[in-house]
C-alpha cells in the first residue's frame, strides 16, 4: 500500500508525521494554547485532556501504519503551529481533509498552503479520486480555504455530530476531483 510522504516541505514550514513519544509535550502545549480559538468550532475540545492527546498521538501512529488516517503536525522553525490530516471519506476513493492552526499562526496563508500541499500529496496516491473538505456553515474562515484551492461546494446537510458552540449545525462539503 502506498502512503503519502511522511514529511512535506512547504517553504517556511513543514508538514510532518506525528511521533507519539517525542511530540507529546509540544502537541499538548499546541492544543492547550489553541483551546479558546478552537472551542467555537471543534466539539472535541470539550474532551481535551493529557490522556486524549496521548491517545491522539498513539492512534496517529497506528492509523498511519494501517492506512486509515494520515495525521500531520504543521511545524515552523521547529515549533508546532497546527495540525492537518487526511482520512477516508464516505465514498470509495474519496478522502476528507481537515486542518487547524494555533491562533498566532492564523491569517498568514499557512492553512491554505498546508492544505494545498496535502492535496498535492494525496493526489500522488493511485486510489485517490477526489478530496473533500467539510466545515460548519458559520465557520467562514475554514470555508475560505477550499474556495481558494478550487474546490467546488457539493452539498449542505444537517451535521450528524452535535454542532460546536458557535456552529450552525449545517455542514458545508467541498470537493476537488483528481484532474
N, C-alpha and C. Protein backbone atom coordinates (compact mmCIF):
# COMPACT_ATOMS: atom_id res chain seq x y z
N UNK A 1 0.84 -1.18 0.00
CA UNK A 1 0.00 0.00 0.00
C UNK A 1 0.89 1.25 0.00
N UNK A 2 0.66 2.12 -0.94
CA UNK A 2 1.38 3.40 -0.97
C UNK A 2 0.77 4.35 0.04
N UNK A 3 1.63 5.12 0.66
CA UNK A 3 1.20 6.12 1.63
C UNK A 3 1.78 7.47 1.22
N UNK A 4 1.22 8.56 1.73
CA UNK A 4 1.81 9.86 1.44
C UNK A 4 3.17 9.99 2.12
N UNK A 5 3.93 10.97 1.69
CA UNK A 5 5.23 11.24 2.31
C UNK A 5 5.04 11.57 3.78
N UNK A 6 6.03 11.18 4.57
CA UNK A 6 5.96 11.46 6.00
C UNK A 6 6.33 12.91 6.30
N UNK A 7 7.06 13.54 5.38
CA UNK A 7 7.45 14.94 5.52
C UNK A 7 7.12 15.65 4.21
N UNK A 8 6.40 16.75 4.31
CA UNK A 8 6.05 17.55 3.13
C UNK A 8 6.57 18.95 3.37
N UNK A 9 7.55 19.35 2.59
CA UNK A 9 8.14 20.69 2.71
C UNK A 9 7.20 21.73 2.11
N UNK A 10 7.02 22.83 2.81
CA UNK A 10 6.13 23.90 2.36
C UNK A 10 6.82 25.26 2.42
N UNK A 11 8.11 25.29 2.14
CA UNK A 11 8.84 26.56 2.20
C UNK A 11 9.24 26.88 3.61
N UNK A 12 8.53 27.82 4.23
CA UNK A 12 8.90 28.26 5.58
C UNK A 12 8.29 27.41 6.70
N UNK A 13 7.56 26.36 6.35
CA UNK A 13 7.05 25.42 7.34
C UNK A 13 7.00 24.03 6.71
N UNK A 14 6.71 23.05 7.54
CA UNK A 14 6.71 21.67 7.08
C UNK A 14 5.51 20.93 7.67
N UNK A 15 4.99 19.99 6.91
CA UNK A 15 4.02 19.03 7.44
C UNK A 15 4.84 17.78 7.73
N UNK A 16 4.69 17.24 8.93
CA UNK A 16 5.43 16.02 9.25
C UNK A 16 4.57 15.09 10.06
N UNK A 17 4.79 13.82 9.83
CA UNK A 17 4.04 12.79 10.54
C UNK A 17 4.28 12.94 12.04
N UNK A 18 3.22 12.75 12.82
CA UNK A 18 3.32 12.80 14.28
C UNK A 18 4.16 11.64 14.80
N UNK A 19 4.89 11.90 15.86
CA UNK A 19 5.67 10.89 16.57
C UNK A 19 5.15 10.84 18.01
N UNK A 20 4.55 9.72 18.41
CA UNK A 20 3.86 9.64 19.70
C UNK A 20 4.76 9.99 20.88
N UNK A 21 5.97 9.48 20.91
CA UNK A 21 6.82 9.71 22.08
C UNK A 21 7.38 11.12 22.12
N UNK A 22 7.96 11.58 21.04
CA UNK A 22 8.66 12.87 21.08
C UNK A 22 7.73 14.07 20.92
N UNK A 23 6.53 13.87 20.41
CA UNK A 23 5.64 15.01 20.16
C UNK A 23 4.62 15.27 21.26
N UNK A 24 4.60 14.45 22.31
CA UNK A 24 3.54 14.63 23.31
C UNK A 24 3.56 16.02 23.93
N UNK A 25 4.67 16.44 24.51
CA UNK A 25 4.71 17.74 25.20
C UNK A 25 4.43 18.90 24.24
N UNK A 26 5.06 18.94 23.05
CA UNK A 26 4.74 20.05 22.14
C UNK A 26 3.30 20.02 21.64
N UNK A 27 2.75 18.82 21.42
CA UNK A 27 1.36 18.72 20.95
C UNK A 27 0.40 19.19 22.04
N UNK A 28 0.66 18.77 23.27
CA UNK A 28 -0.19 19.20 24.38
C UNK A 28 -0.16 20.73 24.52
N UNK A 29 1.02 21.30 24.43
CA UNK A 29 1.15 22.77 24.53
C UNK A 29 0.39 23.45 23.38
N UNK A 30 0.56 22.95 22.16
CA UNK A 30 -0.14 23.50 21.00
C UNK A 30 -1.65 23.48 21.21
N UNK A 31 -2.16 22.35 21.63
CA UNK A 31 -3.60 22.21 21.82
C UNK A 31 -4.08 23.14 22.95
N UNK A 32 -3.37 23.12 24.08
CA UNK A 32 -3.82 23.93 25.21
C UNK A 32 -3.79 25.42 24.90
N UNK A 33 -2.80 25.86 24.14
CA UNK A 33 -2.74 27.27 23.75
C UNK A 33 -3.80 27.63 22.72
N UNK A 34 -4.38 26.63 22.07
CA UNK A 34 -5.35 26.86 21.00
C UNK A 34 -6.79 26.60 21.43
N UNK A 35 -7.00 26.14 22.64
CA UNK A 35 -8.34 25.74 23.07
C UNK A 35 -9.39 26.83 22.87
N UNK A 36 -9.12 28.04 23.32
CA UNK A 36 -10.12 29.11 23.18
C UNK A 36 -10.40 29.41 21.72
N UNK A 37 -9.38 29.32 20.89
CA UNK A 37 -9.51 29.56 19.45
C UNK A 37 -10.34 28.45 18.78
N UNK A 38 -10.16 27.21 19.23
CA UNK A 38 -10.82 26.06 18.61
C UNK A 38 -12.21 25.78 19.18
N UNK A 39 -12.43 26.15 20.42
CA UNK A 39 -13.68 25.81 21.12
C UNK A 39 -14.95 26.14 20.32
N UNK A 40 -15.03 27.28 19.65
CA UNK A 40 -16.27 27.57 18.91
C UNK A 40 -16.56 26.59 17.77
N UNK A 41 -15.53 25.90 17.25
CA UNK A 41 -15.71 25.10 16.04
C UNK A 41 -15.44 23.61 16.20
N UNK A 42 -14.72 23.22 17.24
CA UNK A 42 -14.29 21.83 17.38
C UNK A 42 -14.90 21.19 18.62
N UNK A 43 -15.91 20.33 18.46
CA UNK A 43 -16.55 19.70 19.62
C UNK A 43 -15.57 18.87 20.47
N UNK A 44 -14.51 18.33 19.88
CA UNK A 44 -13.57 17.51 20.64
C UNK A 44 -12.86 18.30 21.74
N UNK A 45 -12.83 19.62 21.63
CA UNK A 45 -12.15 20.45 22.63
C UNK A 45 -12.73 20.20 24.03
N UNK A 46 -14.02 19.93 24.11
CA UNK A 46 -14.65 19.68 25.41
C UNK A 46 -14.10 18.42 26.08
N UNK A 47 -13.54 17.51 25.31
CA UNK A 47 -12.98 16.27 25.86
C UNK A 47 -11.46 16.34 26.02
N UNK A 48 -10.88 17.50 25.76
CA UNK A 48 -9.43 17.61 25.80
C UNK A 48 -8.86 17.26 27.17
N UNK A 49 -7.76 16.52 27.14
CA UNK A 49 -7.03 16.17 28.35
C UNK A 49 -5.65 15.67 27.92
N UNK A 50 -4.76 15.49 28.88
CA UNK A 50 -3.46 14.90 28.56
C UNK A 50 -3.65 13.51 27.98
N UNK A 51 -4.56 12.74 28.56
CA UNK A 51 -4.82 11.38 28.07
C UNK A 51 -5.34 11.41 26.63
N UNK A 52 -6.22 12.35 26.35
CA UNK A 52 -6.76 12.47 24.99
C UNK A 52 -5.64 12.76 23.99
N UNK A 53 -4.70 13.63 24.38
CA UNK A 53 -3.57 13.95 23.50
C UNK A 53 -2.67 12.73 23.31
N UNK A 54 -2.40 11.98 24.37
CA UNK A 54 -1.61 10.75 24.24
C UNK A 54 -2.29 9.77 23.30
N UNK A 55 -3.60 9.61 23.47
CA UNK A 55 -4.36 8.70 22.61
C UNK A 55 -4.33 9.16 21.15
N UNK A 56 -4.49 10.47 20.94
CA UNK A 56 -4.44 11.02 19.58
C UNK A 56 -3.13 10.67 18.90
N UNK A 57 -2.03 10.87 19.61
CA UNK A 57 -0.72 10.60 19.02
C UNK A 57 -0.50 9.11 18.81
N UNK A 58 -0.88 8.29 19.77
CA UNK A 58 -0.73 6.84 19.62
C UNK A 58 -1.59 6.34 18.45
N UNK A 59 -2.82 6.82 18.38
CA UNK A 59 -3.70 6.42 17.27
C UNK A 59 -3.18 6.93 15.94
N UNK A 60 -2.56 8.11 15.95
CA UNK A 60 -1.99 8.64 14.71
C UNK A 60 -0.96 7.67 14.14
N UNK A 61 -0.13 7.12 15.01
CA UNK A 61 0.89 6.18 14.53
C UNK A 61 0.27 4.90 13.99
N UNK A 62 -0.64 4.29 14.74
CA UNK A 62 -1.22 3.02 14.29
C UNK A 62 -2.10 3.22 13.05
N UNK A 63 -2.83 4.32 13.00
CA UNK A 63 -3.69 4.54 11.84
C UNK A 63 -2.88 4.89 10.59
N UNK A 64 -1.72 5.54 10.78
CA UNK A 64 -0.85 5.79 9.64
C UNK A 64 -0.38 4.45 9.06
N UNK A 65 0.08 3.60 9.94
CA UNK A 65 0.60 2.29 9.50
C UNK A 65 -0.46 1.48 8.78
N UNK A 66 -1.70 1.55 9.23
CA UNK A 66 -2.78 0.78 8.59
C UNK A 66 -3.36 1.48 7.37
N UNK A 67 -2.97 2.74 7.14
CA UNK A 67 -3.51 3.48 6.01
C UNK A 67 -4.88 4.07 6.26
N UNK A 68 -5.31 4.12 7.53
CA UNK A 68 -6.64 4.64 7.86
C UNK A 68 -6.70 6.15 7.88
N UNK A 69 -5.69 6.80 8.46
CA UNK A 69 -5.67 8.25 8.61
C UNK A 69 -4.22 8.70 8.54
N UNK A 70 -4.00 9.84 7.86
CA UNK A 70 -2.67 10.42 7.78
C UNK A 70 -2.70 11.76 8.49
N UNK A 71 -2.19 11.78 9.73
CA UNK A 71 -2.15 12.98 10.55
C UNK A 71 -0.78 13.63 10.47
N UNK A 72 -0.78 14.93 10.32
CA UNK A 72 0.46 15.70 10.24
C UNK A 72 0.48 16.81 11.27
N UNK A 73 1.65 17.04 11.83
CA UNK A 73 1.92 18.25 12.59
C UNK A 73 2.34 19.30 11.57
N UNK A 74 1.94 20.52 11.78
CA UNK A 74 2.44 21.64 10.97
C UNK A 74 3.47 22.33 11.86
N UNK A 75 4.71 22.39 11.40
CA UNK A 75 5.80 22.95 12.21
C UNK A 75 6.53 24.04 11.45
N UNK A 76 6.85 25.10 12.16
CA UNK A 76 7.58 26.22 11.59
C UNK A 76 8.77 26.50 12.49
N UNK A 77 9.97 26.36 11.93
CA UNK A 77 11.17 26.60 12.73
C UNK A 77 11.25 25.69 13.94
N UNK A 78 10.76 24.48 13.83
CA UNK A 78 10.79 23.53 14.93
C UNK A 78 9.66 23.68 15.93
N UNK A 79 8.82 24.68 15.78
CA UNK A 79 7.69 24.91 16.69
C UNK A 79 6.40 24.42 16.03
N UNK A 80 5.60 23.67 16.77
CA UNK A 80 4.33 23.20 16.24
C UNK A 80 3.34 24.36 16.19
N UNK A 81 2.69 24.53 15.03
CA UNK A 81 1.74 25.62 14.86
C UNK A 81 0.37 25.16 14.41
N UNK A 82 0.20 23.85 14.21
CA UNK A 82 -1.11 23.35 13.80
C UNK A 82 -1.08 21.88 13.46
N UNK A 83 -2.23 21.43 12.97
CA UNK A 83 -2.39 20.04 12.57
C UNK A 83 -3.20 19.99 11.29
N UNK A 84 -2.95 18.96 10.49
CA UNK A 84 -3.82 18.67 9.35
C UNK A 84 -3.85 17.17 9.15
N UNK A 85 -4.86 16.71 8.43
CA UNK A 85 -5.00 15.27 8.25
C UNK A 85 -5.79 14.94 7.00
N UNK A 86 -5.63 13.71 6.58
CA UNK A 86 -6.44 13.12 5.51
C UNK A 86 -7.01 11.83 6.06
N UNK A 87 -8.31 11.66 5.92
CA UNK A 87 -8.98 10.43 6.38
C UNK A 87 -9.95 9.98 5.30
N UNK A 88 -10.26 8.69 5.25
CA UNK A 88 -11.17 8.21 4.21
C UNK A 88 -12.52 8.91 4.28
N UNK A 89 -13.03 9.24 3.11
CA UNK A 89 -14.35 9.86 3.02
C UNK A 89 -15.44 8.80 2.99
N UNK A 90 -16.66 9.24 2.79
CA UNK A 90 -17.81 8.33 2.78
C UNK A 90 -17.88 7.49 1.51
N UNK A 91 -17.31 8.00 0.43
CA UNK A 91 -17.38 7.30 -0.85
C UNK A 91 -16.04 6.64 -1.17
N UNK A 92 -16.07 5.53 -1.90
CA UNK A 92 -14.81 4.88 -2.29
C UNK A 92 -13.91 5.85 -3.06
N UNK A 93 -12.64 5.76 -2.81
CA UNK A 93 -11.60 6.58 -3.45
C UNK A 93 -11.70 8.07 -3.09
N UNK A 94 -12.48 8.38 -2.06
CA UNK A 94 -12.58 9.75 -1.59
C UNK A 94 -11.93 9.89 -0.22
N UNK A 95 -11.28 11.00 -0.01
CA UNK A 95 -10.64 11.30 1.27
C UNK A 95 -11.10 12.66 1.75
N UNK A 96 -11.17 12.84 3.06
CA UNK A 96 -11.58 14.10 3.66
C UNK A 96 -10.37 14.73 4.35
N UNK A 97 -10.19 16.02 4.11
CA UNK A 97 -9.09 16.76 4.70
C UNK A 97 -9.59 17.64 5.84
N UNK A 98 -8.75 17.82 6.83
CA UNK A 98 -9.08 18.70 7.95
C UNK A 98 -7.82 19.45 8.37
N UNK A 99 -8.01 20.57 9.07
CA UNK A 99 -6.87 21.42 9.45
C UNK A 99 -7.28 22.36 10.56
N UNK A 100 -6.30 22.76 11.34
CA UNK A 100 -6.47 23.85 12.29
C UNK A 100 -5.10 24.39 12.68
N UNK A 101 -5.10 25.64 13.10
CA UNK A 101 -3.85 26.32 13.45
C UNK A 101 -3.92 26.93 14.84
N UNK A 102 -2.75 27.11 15.43
CA UNK A 102 -2.60 27.90 16.64
C UNK A 102 -3.08 29.31 16.29
N UNK A 103 -3.74 30.02 17.20
CA UNK A 103 -4.25 31.36 16.84
C UNK A 103 -3.17 32.33 16.36
N UNK A 104 -1.93 32.20 16.84
CA UNK A 104 -0.86 33.11 16.39
C UNK A 104 -0.43 32.83 14.96
N UNK A 105 -0.83 31.68 14.41
CA UNK A 105 -0.43 31.32 13.04
C UNK A 105 -1.52 31.60 12.01
N UNK A 106 -2.68 32.08 12.45
CA UNK A 106 -3.77 32.33 11.50
C UNK A 106 -3.54 33.63 10.73
N UNK A 107 -4.24 33.75 9.61
CA UNK A 107 -4.19 34.98 8.82
C UNK A 107 -2.91 35.17 8.03
N UNK A 108 -2.11 34.12 7.89
CA UNK A 108 -0.84 34.22 7.17
C UNK A 108 -0.81 33.32 5.94
N UNK A 109 -1.92 32.67 5.63
CA UNK A 109 -1.97 31.77 4.47
C UNK A 109 -1.42 30.38 4.75
N UNK A 110 -1.07 30.11 6.00
CA UNK A 110 -0.46 28.81 6.32
C UNK A 110 -1.45 27.67 6.13
N UNK A 111 -2.67 27.82 6.61
CA UNK A 111 -3.65 26.73 6.46
C UNK A 111 -3.93 26.46 4.99
N UNK A 112 -4.02 27.50 4.19
CA UNK A 112 -4.25 27.31 2.75
C UNK A 112 -3.08 26.60 2.11
N UNK A 113 -1.86 27.04 2.42
CA UNK A 113 -0.67 26.42 1.81
C UNK A 113 -0.48 24.99 2.31
N UNK A 114 -0.74 24.74 3.59
CA UNK A 114 -0.62 23.37 4.13
C UNK A 114 -1.64 22.45 3.46
N UNK A 115 -2.86 22.94 3.31
CA UNK A 115 -3.90 22.13 2.67
C UNK A 115 -3.57 21.89 1.20
N UNK A 116 -3.06 22.91 0.52
CA UNK A 116 -2.66 22.74 -0.88
C UNK A 116 -1.57 21.67 -1.00
N UNK A 117 -0.61 21.68 -0.08
CA UNK A 117 0.46 20.68 -0.11
C UNK A 117 -0.10 19.29 0.15
N UNK A 118 -1.06 19.19 1.07
CA UNK A 118 -1.67 17.89 1.36
C UNK A 118 -2.51 17.41 0.17
N UNK A 119 -3.19 18.32 -0.50
CA UNK A 119 -3.93 17.96 -1.71
C UNK A 119 -2.98 17.36 -2.75
N UNK A 120 -1.89 18.06 -3.00
CA UNK A 120 -0.91 17.58 -3.99
C UNK A 120 -0.40 16.20 -3.60
N UNK A 121 -0.05 16.03 -2.35
CA UNK A 121 0.48 14.75 -1.88
C UNK A 121 -0.55 13.64 -1.99
N UNK A 122 -1.79 13.89 -1.59
CA UNK A 122 -2.82 12.85 -1.65
C UNK A 122 -3.12 12.44 -3.08
N UNK A 123 -3.03 13.38 -4.02
CA UNK A 123 -3.30 13.02 -5.41
C UNK A 123 -2.13 12.27 -6.06
N UNK A 124 -1.03 12.08 -5.34
CA UNK A 124 0.03 11.19 -5.85
C UNK A 124 -0.32 9.73 -5.60
N UNK A 125 -1.28 9.49 -4.72
CA UNK A 125 -1.69 8.12 -4.41
C UNK A 125 -2.66 7.62 -5.47
N UNK A 126 -2.44 6.43 -5.99
CA UNK A 126 -3.24 5.96 -7.13
C UNK A 126 -4.72 5.76 -6.84
N UNK A 127 -5.10 5.46 -5.62
CA UNK A 127 -6.50 5.17 -5.32
C UNK A 127 -7.30 6.36 -4.82
N UNK A 128 -6.76 7.57 -4.96
CA UNK A 128 -7.47 8.77 -4.51
C UNK A 128 -8.06 9.46 -5.74
N UNK A 129 -9.40 9.45 -5.83
CA UNK A 129 -10.09 10.07 -6.97
C UNK A 129 -10.57 11.47 -6.65
N UNK A 130 -10.90 11.72 -5.39
CA UNK A 130 -11.37 13.06 -5.01
C UNK A 130 -11.07 13.32 -3.54
N UNK A 131 -11.04 14.59 -3.21
CA UNK A 131 -10.81 15.05 -1.84
C UNK A 131 -11.97 15.94 -1.44
N UNK A 132 -12.33 15.89 -0.16
CA UNK A 132 -13.39 16.74 0.35
C UNK A 132 -12.92 17.49 1.59
N UNK A 133 -13.49 18.63 1.79
CA UNK A 133 -13.30 19.43 2.99
C UNK A 133 -14.70 19.78 3.48
N UNK A 134 -14.94 19.59 4.78
CA UNK A 134 -16.24 19.93 5.36
C UNK A 134 -16.01 20.90 6.52
N UNK A 135 -16.95 21.80 6.69
CA UNK A 135 -16.88 22.76 7.79
C UNK A 135 -18.28 23.23 8.11
N UNK A 136 -18.45 23.78 9.29
CA UNK A 136 -19.73 24.35 9.66
C UNK A 136 -19.96 25.62 8.83
N UNK A 137 -21.16 25.83 8.40
CA UNK A 137 -21.53 27.00 7.60
C UNK A 137 -21.08 28.30 8.25
N UNK A 138 -21.16 28.39 9.56
CA UNK A 138 -20.79 29.63 10.25
C UNK A 138 -19.28 29.85 10.31
N UNK A 139 -18.49 28.83 10.04
CA UNK A 139 -17.03 28.95 10.11
C UNK A 139 -16.50 29.43 8.75
N UNK A 140 -16.65 30.70 8.50
CA UNK A 140 -16.28 31.26 7.20
C UNK A 140 -14.77 31.22 6.95
N UNK A 141 -13.96 31.31 7.98
CA UNK A 141 -12.51 31.23 7.80
C UNK A 141 -12.11 29.87 7.25
N UNK A 142 -12.68 28.82 7.83
CA UNK A 142 -12.38 27.48 7.35
C UNK A 142 -12.91 27.28 5.93
N UNK A 143 -14.05 27.86 5.65
CA UNK A 143 -14.64 27.73 4.32
C UNK A 143 -13.90 28.46 3.22
N UNK A 144 -13.09 29.44 3.58
CA UNK A 144 -12.34 30.18 2.57
C UNK A 144 -11.25 29.32 1.93
N UNK A 145 -10.76 28.34 2.65
CA UNK A 145 -9.64 27.53 2.15
C UNK A 145 -10.03 26.69 0.94
N UNK A 146 -11.09 25.88 1.00
CA UNK A 146 -11.43 25.12 -0.20
C UNK A 146 -11.77 26.02 -1.39
N UNK A 147 -12.39 27.14 -1.11
CA UNK A 147 -12.73 28.08 -2.18
C UNK A 147 -11.44 28.55 -2.87
N UNK A 148 -10.43 28.93 -2.09
CA UNK A 148 -9.16 29.40 -2.65
C UNK A 148 -8.45 28.31 -3.45
N UNK A 149 -8.65 27.07 -3.05
CA UNK A 149 -7.92 25.97 -3.69
C UNK A 149 -8.67 25.34 -4.86
N UNK A 150 -9.79 25.91 -5.23
CA UNK A 150 -10.50 25.42 -6.41
C UNK A 150 -11.46 24.28 -6.15
N UNK A 151 -11.77 24.01 -4.89
CA UNK A 151 -12.80 23.02 -4.57
C UNK A 151 -14.15 23.58 -4.97
N UNK A 152 -15.12 22.71 -5.21
CA UNK A 152 -16.49 23.10 -5.55
C UNK A 152 -17.41 22.66 -4.42
N UNK A 153 -18.28 23.57 -3.99
CA UNK A 153 -19.25 23.18 -2.98
C UNK A 153 -20.21 22.17 -3.59
N UNK A 154 -20.37 21.01 -2.92
CA UNK A 154 -21.21 19.96 -3.47
C UNK A 154 -22.49 19.73 -2.67
N UNK A 155 -22.50 20.12 -1.40
CA UNK A 155 -23.74 19.93 -0.63
C UNK A 155 -23.67 20.65 0.72
N UNK A 156 -24.86 20.87 1.24
CA UNK A 156 -25.05 21.37 2.60
C UNK A 156 -26.05 20.44 3.26
N UNK A 157 -25.66 19.93 4.41
CA UNK A 157 -26.53 18.99 5.11
C UNK A 157 -26.54 19.31 6.60
N UNK A 158 -27.55 18.81 7.27
CA UNK A 158 -27.58 18.92 8.72
C UNK A 158 -26.45 18.04 9.24
N UNK A 159 -25.62 18.60 10.10
CA UNK A 159 -24.48 17.86 10.64
C UNK A 159 -24.96 16.67 11.46
N UNK A 160 -24.25 15.54 11.33
CA UNK A 160 -24.63 14.35 12.08
C UNK A 160 -24.13 14.42 13.52
N UNK A 161 -22.98 15.04 13.72
CA UNK A 161 -22.45 15.21 15.07
C UNK A 161 -23.05 16.47 15.68
N UNK A 162 -23.06 16.54 17.00
CA UNK A 162 -23.57 17.77 17.63
C UNK A 162 -22.76 18.98 17.15
N UNK A 163 -23.45 20.07 16.96
CA UNK A 163 -22.78 21.29 16.50
C UNK A 163 -21.85 21.82 17.57
N UNK A 164 -20.76 22.41 17.13
CA UNK A 164 -19.85 23.09 18.05
C UNK A 164 -20.57 24.32 18.61
N UNK A 165 -20.07 24.89 19.70
CA UNK A 165 -20.77 26.02 20.33
C UNK A 165 -21.14 27.16 19.39
N UNK A 166 -20.28 27.51 18.44
CA UNK A 166 -20.60 28.60 17.52
C UNK A 166 -21.16 28.10 16.19
N UNK A 167 -21.32 26.81 16.08
CA UNK A 167 -21.75 26.23 14.82
C UNK A 167 -23.22 26.41 14.53
N UNK A 168 -23.54 26.34 13.26
CA UNK A 168 -24.93 26.45 12.82
C UNK A 168 -25.60 25.09 12.77
N UNK A 169 -24.78 24.02 12.77
CA UNK A 169 -25.31 22.68 12.61
C UNK A 169 -25.49 22.30 11.15
N UNK A 170 -25.09 23.19 10.25
CA UNK A 170 -25.14 22.90 8.81
C UNK A 170 -23.72 22.65 8.35
N UNK A 171 -23.49 21.47 7.79
CA UNK A 171 -22.18 21.12 7.27
C UNK A 171 -22.11 21.45 5.78
N UNK A 172 -21.08 22.19 5.40
CA UNK A 172 -20.84 22.52 4.00
C UNK A 172 -19.71 21.60 3.53
N UNK A 173 -19.93 20.89 2.42
CA UNK A 173 -18.94 19.96 1.90
C UNK A 173 -18.48 20.45 0.53
N UNK A 174 -17.16 20.50 0.40
CA UNK A 174 -16.50 20.92 -0.83
C UNK A 174 -15.74 19.73 -1.41
N UNK A 175 -15.63 19.67 -2.74
CA UNK A 175 -14.94 18.54 -3.38
C UNK A 175 -13.99 19.04 -4.46
N UNK A 176 -12.87 18.35 -4.56
CA UNK A 176 -11.92 18.55 -5.64
C UNK A 176 -11.61 17.18 -6.23
N UNK A 177 -11.91 17.04 -7.53
CA UNK A 177 -11.64 15.78 -8.22
C UNK A 177 -10.23 15.78 -8.79
N UNK A 178 -9.64 14.59 -8.84
CA UNK A 178 -8.33 14.45 -9.47
C UNK A 178 -8.47 14.90 -10.93
N UNK A 179 -7.53 15.73 -11.35
CA UNK A 179 -7.63 16.22 -12.74
C UNK A 179 -6.89 15.32 -13.70
